[in-house]
N, C-alpha and C. Protein backbone atom coordinates (compact mmCIF):
# COMPACT_ATOMS: atom_id res chain seq x y z
N MET A 1 -35.36 35.20 -22.83
CA MET A 1 -35.45 34.75 -24.20
C MET A 1 -35.35 33.24 -24.22
N GLN A 2 -36.29 32.58 -24.82
CA GLN A 2 -36.30 31.14 -24.88
C GLN A 2 -35.97 30.68 -26.29
N PHE A 3 -35.19 29.58 -26.34
CA PHE A 3 -34.83 29.01 -27.62
C PHE A 3 -35.69 27.79 -27.87
N PRO A 4 -36.05 27.57 -29.08
CA PRO A 4 -36.78 26.33 -29.36
C PRO A 4 -35.85 25.14 -29.18
N LEU A 5 -36.43 23.97 -28.97
CA LEU A 5 -35.66 22.76 -28.70
C LEU A 5 -34.72 22.41 -29.85
N SER A 6 -35.06 22.78 -31.06
CA SER A 6 -34.22 22.44 -32.20
C SER A 6 -32.90 23.20 -32.18
N GLU A 7 -32.83 24.33 -31.47
CA GLU A 7 -31.60 25.11 -31.45
C GLU A 7 -30.67 24.73 -30.29
N LEU A 8 -31.14 23.92 -29.35
CA LEU A 8 -30.29 23.50 -28.24
C LEU A 8 -29.24 22.50 -28.72
N ASN A 9 -28.20 22.33 -27.93
CA ASN A 9 -27.17 21.36 -28.26
C ASN A 9 -27.72 19.97 -27.95
N VAL A 10 -28.27 19.34 -28.94
CA VAL A 10 -28.95 18.06 -28.75
C VAL A 10 -27.94 16.95 -28.48
N SER A 11 -26.70 17.11 -28.93
CA SER A 11 -25.72 16.05 -28.68
C SER A 11 -25.42 15.91 -27.19
N PHE A 12 -25.46 17.02 -26.44
CA PHE A 12 -25.27 16.94 -25.00
C PHE A 12 -26.44 16.23 -24.34
N LEU A 13 -27.63 16.53 -24.75
CA LEU A 13 -28.80 15.90 -24.17
C LEU A 13 -28.87 14.42 -24.52
N GLY A 14 -28.29 14.05 -25.64
CA GLY A 14 -28.32 12.66 -26.06
C GLY A 14 -27.39 11.77 -25.25
N THR A 15 -26.37 12.35 -24.59
CA THR A 15 -25.43 11.53 -23.81
C THR A 15 -25.89 11.33 -22.38
N MET A 16 -26.88 12.02 -21.94
CA MET A 16 -27.35 11.88 -20.56
C MET A 16 -28.05 10.55 -20.37
N GLY A 17 -27.82 9.90 -19.24
CA GLY A 17 -28.54 8.69 -18.90
C GLY A 17 -27.96 7.41 -19.46
N ARG A 18 -26.74 7.45 -19.98
CA ARG A 18 -26.15 6.21 -20.47
C ARG A 18 -25.62 5.40 -19.30
N HIS A 19 -25.43 4.12 -19.53
CA HIS A 19 -24.90 3.24 -18.49
C HIS A 19 -23.38 3.31 -18.48
N PHE A 20 -22.77 2.77 -17.41
CA PHE A 20 -21.34 2.97 -17.20
C PHE A 20 -20.49 2.41 -18.33
N GLY A 21 -20.77 1.24 -18.82
CA GLY A 21 -19.94 0.67 -19.87
C GLY A 21 -20.16 1.29 -21.23
N ASP A 22 -21.12 2.19 -21.34
CA ASP A 22 -21.51 2.75 -22.63
C ASP A 22 -21.39 4.27 -22.61
N LEU A 23 -20.41 4.81 -21.88
CA LEU A 23 -20.32 6.26 -21.75
C LEU A 23 -19.77 6.92 -23.01
N ALA A 24 -18.72 6.39 -23.55
CA ALA A 24 -18.11 7.01 -24.73
C ALA A 24 -17.55 5.93 -25.62
N LYS A 25 -17.54 6.20 -26.88
CA LYS A 25 -16.95 5.27 -27.83
C LYS A 25 -15.57 5.81 -28.20
N ILE A 26 -14.55 5.04 -27.88
CA ILE A 26 -13.19 5.45 -28.19
C ILE A 26 -12.81 4.80 -29.51
N ARG A 27 -12.38 5.62 -30.42
CA ARG A 27 -12.06 5.12 -31.75
C ARG A 27 -10.57 5.27 -32.00
N HIS A 28 -10.07 4.49 -32.93
CA HIS A 28 -8.68 4.53 -33.41
C HIS A 28 -7.68 4.14 -32.32
N VAL A 29 -8.06 3.24 -31.43
CA VAL A 29 -7.15 2.71 -30.42
C VAL A 29 -6.99 1.23 -30.69
N ILE A 30 -5.76 0.80 -30.85
CA ILE A 30 -5.47 -0.59 -31.17
C ILE A 30 -4.91 -1.25 -29.92
N THR A 31 -5.47 -2.37 -29.53
CA THR A 31 -4.97 -3.12 -28.39
C THR A 31 -4.48 -4.48 -28.86
N TYR A 32 -3.43 -4.96 -28.24
CA TYR A 32 -2.87 -6.25 -28.55
C TYR A 32 -2.90 -7.10 -27.29
N SER A 33 -3.11 -8.38 -27.45
CA SER A 33 -3.08 -9.27 -26.30
C SER A 33 -2.62 -10.65 -26.76
N ILE A 34 -2.21 -11.44 -25.79
CA ILE A 34 -1.78 -12.80 -26.07
C ILE A 34 -2.70 -13.74 -25.30
N SER A 35 -2.92 -14.86 -25.86
CA SER A 35 -3.79 -15.83 -25.22
C SER A 35 -3.15 -16.34 -23.93
N PRO A 36 -3.93 -16.55 -22.87
CA PRO A 36 -3.34 -17.08 -21.65
C PRO A 36 -2.77 -18.48 -21.82
N PHE A 37 -3.19 -19.18 -22.85
CA PHE A 37 -2.67 -20.52 -23.10
C PHE A 37 -1.32 -20.48 -23.81
N GLU A 38 -0.94 -19.33 -24.33
CA GLU A 38 0.32 -19.21 -25.05
C GLU A 38 1.43 -18.61 -24.20
N GLN A 39 1.14 -18.20 -23.00
CA GLN A 39 2.17 -17.59 -22.16
C GLN A 39 2.45 -18.46 -20.94
N ARG A 40 3.65 -18.30 -20.40
CA ARG A 40 4.04 -19.06 -19.22
C ARG A 40 3.65 -18.27 -17.97
N ALA A 41 3.12 -18.97 -16.98
CA ALA A 41 2.64 -18.29 -15.79
C ALA A 41 3.79 -17.75 -14.93
N PHE A 42 4.83 -18.53 -14.72
CA PHE A 42 5.95 -18.12 -13.87
C PHE A 42 7.27 -18.33 -14.61
N PRO A 43 7.56 -17.50 -15.61
CA PRO A 43 8.84 -17.68 -16.31
C PRO A 43 10.00 -17.20 -15.44
N ASN A 44 11.04 -17.98 -15.36
CA ASN A 44 12.27 -17.66 -14.62
C ASN A 44 12.00 -17.38 -13.14
N TYR A 45 10.98 -17.97 -12.59
CA TYR A 45 10.63 -17.70 -11.19
C TYR A 45 11.68 -18.26 -10.24
N PHE A 46 12.06 -19.50 -10.43
CA PHE A 46 13.02 -20.12 -9.53
C PHE A 46 14.46 -19.82 -9.94
N SER A 47 14.74 -19.67 -11.22
CA SER A 47 16.12 -19.47 -11.65
C SER A 47 16.59 -18.04 -11.43
N LYS A 48 15.71 -17.04 -11.58
CA LYS A 48 16.13 -15.65 -11.42
C LYS A 48 15.40 -14.94 -10.28
N GLY A 49 14.21 -15.37 -9.94
CA GLY A 49 13.41 -14.66 -8.95
C GLY A 49 13.93 -14.79 -7.54
N ILE A 50 14.20 -16.01 -7.10
CA ILE A 50 14.65 -16.23 -5.73
C ILE A 50 16.05 -15.64 -5.49
N PRO A 51 17.01 -15.83 -6.41
CA PRO A 51 18.30 -15.15 -6.19
C PRO A 51 18.18 -13.63 -6.17
N ASN A 52 17.26 -13.07 -6.94
CA ASN A 52 17.07 -11.62 -6.93
C ASN A 52 16.50 -11.16 -5.60
N VAL A 53 15.59 -11.92 -5.02
CA VAL A 53 15.04 -11.57 -3.70
C VAL A 53 16.15 -11.62 -2.66
N TRP A 54 17.01 -12.62 -2.71
CA TRP A 54 18.11 -12.73 -1.76
C TRP A 54 19.09 -11.56 -1.91
N ARG A 55 19.39 -11.17 -3.14
CA ARG A 55 20.29 -10.05 -3.38
C ARG A 55 19.70 -8.76 -2.84
N ARG A 56 18.43 -8.53 -3.07
CA ARG A 56 17.78 -7.31 -2.59
C ARG A 56 17.70 -7.30 -1.06
N PHE A 57 17.50 -8.47 -0.46
CA PHE A 57 17.47 -8.56 1.00
C PHE A 57 18.83 -8.21 1.59
N LYS A 58 19.89 -8.75 0.99
CA LYS A 58 21.23 -8.49 1.51
C LYS A 58 21.60 -7.02 1.41
N THR A 59 21.17 -6.33 0.36
CA THR A 59 21.54 -4.92 0.22
C THR A 59 20.74 -4.02 1.15
N SER A 60 19.55 -4.43 1.55
CA SER A 60 18.73 -3.53 2.36
C SER A 60 18.67 -3.90 3.84
N VAL A 61 19.18 -5.06 4.23
CA VAL A 61 19.04 -5.48 5.63
C VAL A 61 19.84 -4.57 6.56
N PHE A 62 20.97 -4.05 6.13
CA PHE A 62 21.77 -3.19 7.00
C PHE A 62 21.23 -1.76 7.05
N LYS A 63 20.30 -1.43 6.19
CA LYS A 63 19.64 -0.13 6.26
C LYS A 63 18.39 -0.20 7.13
N VAL A 64 17.74 -1.34 7.16
CA VAL A 64 16.45 -1.47 7.84
C VAL A 64 16.60 -2.03 9.25
N ALA A 65 17.48 -2.99 9.44
CA ALA A 65 17.58 -3.69 10.72
C ALA A 65 18.05 -2.81 11.88
N PRO A 66 19.09 -1.98 11.75
CA PRO A 66 19.53 -1.20 12.91
C PRO A 66 18.46 -0.27 13.49
N PRO A 67 17.70 0.48 12.69
CA PRO A 67 16.64 1.29 13.31
C PRO A 67 15.57 0.44 13.99
N MET A 68 15.28 -0.73 13.43
CA MET A 68 14.27 -1.59 14.05
C MET A 68 14.77 -2.16 15.37
N VAL A 69 16.04 -2.55 15.44
CA VAL A 69 16.61 -3.05 16.69
C VAL A 69 16.65 -1.93 17.73
N LEU A 70 17.04 -0.73 17.31
CA LEU A 70 17.06 0.41 18.23
C LEU A 70 15.66 0.72 18.75
N MET A 71 14.66 0.66 17.89
CA MET A 71 13.29 0.90 18.30
C MET A 71 12.83 -0.16 19.29
N TYR A 72 13.17 -1.42 19.05
CA TYR A 72 12.78 -2.50 19.96
C TYR A 72 13.44 -2.33 21.33
N LEU A 73 14.73 -2.01 21.34
CA LEU A 73 15.43 -1.82 22.61
C LEU A 73 14.87 -0.62 23.38
N THR A 74 14.55 0.46 22.68
CA THR A 74 13.95 1.63 23.33
C THR A 74 12.59 1.29 23.91
N TYR A 75 11.81 0.53 23.18
CA TYR A 75 10.47 0.16 23.63
C TYR A 75 10.53 -0.73 24.88
N THR A 76 11.41 -1.73 24.85
CA THR A 76 11.51 -2.62 26.02
C THR A 76 12.08 -1.87 27.22
N TRP A 77 13.05 -0.98 27.00
CA TRP A 77 13.59 -0.18 28.10
C TRP A 77 12.51 0.73 28.69
N GLY A 78 11.71 1.35 27.84
CA GLY A 78 10.64 2.23 28.31
C GLY A 78 9.60 1.47 29.12
N ASN A 79 9.23 0.28 28.68
CA ASN A 79 8.28 -0.53 29.44
C ASN A 79 8.86 -0.94 30.79
N HIS A 80 10.13 -1.29 30.81
CA HIS A 80 10.78 -1.69 32.06
C HIS A 80 10.82 -0.52 33.05
N VAL A 81 11.20 0.66 32.59
CA VAL A 81 11.26 1.84 33.46
C VAL A 81 9.86 2.22 33.94
N HIS A 82 8.87 2.08 33.09
CA HIS A 82 7.49 2.40 33.48
C HIS A 82 7.00 1.45 34.58
N GLU A 83 7.29 0.16 34.44
CA GLU A 83 6.87 -0.80 35.46
C GLU A 83 7.59 -0.52 36.79
N GLN A 84 8.86 -0.13 36.73
CA GLN A 84 9.59 0.19 37.96
C GLN A 84 9.04 1.44 38.62
N SER A 85 8.61 2.41 37.83
CA SER A 85 8.11 3.66 38.41
C SER A 85 6.74 3.49 39.06
N LYS A 86 6.02 2.44 38.72
CA LYS A 86 4.72 2.20 39.33
C LYS A 86 4.84 1.55 40.71
N ARG A 87 5.98 0.96 41.04
CA ARG A 87 6.18 0.29 42.32
C ARG A 87 6.53 1.29 43.41
N LYS A 88 6.26 0.88 44.63
CA LYS A 88 6.69 1.69 45.77
C LYS A 88 8.16 1.42 46.04
N ASN A 89 8.86 2.44 46.49
CA ASN A 89 10.25 2.28 46.89
C ASN A 89 10.27 1.83 48.35
N LEU A 90 10.67 0.59 48.62
CA LEU A 90 10.64 0.04 49.98
C LEU A 90 11.62 0.75 50.91
N ALA A 91 12.66 1.36 50.38
CA ALA A 91 13.62 2.07 51.23
C ALA A 91 12.98 3.29 51.88
N ASP A 92 11.95 3.85 51.29
CA ASP A 92 11.27 5.01 51.88
C ASP A 92 10.47 4.62 53.12
N TYR A 93 10.12 3.36 53.27
CA TYR A 93 9.24 2.92 54.36
C TYR A 93 9.95 2.04 55.40
N GLU A 94 11.28 2.04 55.44
CA GLU A 94 12.01 1.18 56.37
C GLU A 94 11.84 1.62 57.82
N ASN A 95 11.77 2.90 58.08
CA ASN A 95 11.72 3.40 59.46
C ASN A 95 10.29 3.56 59.97
N ASP A 96 9.30 3.19 59.20
CA ASP A 96 7.91 3.29 59.66
C ASP A 96 7.61 2.18 60.66
N GLN A 97 6.65 2.46 61.54
CA GLN A 97 6.29 1.45 62.53
C GLN A 97 4.94 0.86 62.24
């Protein structure tokens, strides 16, 4: 059974082929903004920002540093043991002629 074109949902066919910026019209949305010339770029950056970074560093350094030091020591120990295992043991060859 075929329907004539007038009975199809023409609103769906009308939205096909639009460009990206023109996909839908959003209504009843209010946006507010302030001019970039009326706002400060770095408010309280030096007076509150740097002390806050120092405070956060002090609270987290004892949580982060010990596992990193342990990982570094394990890595260097593993490399040292690996290099030693690649060498010949000279004591095994003392009695050879």
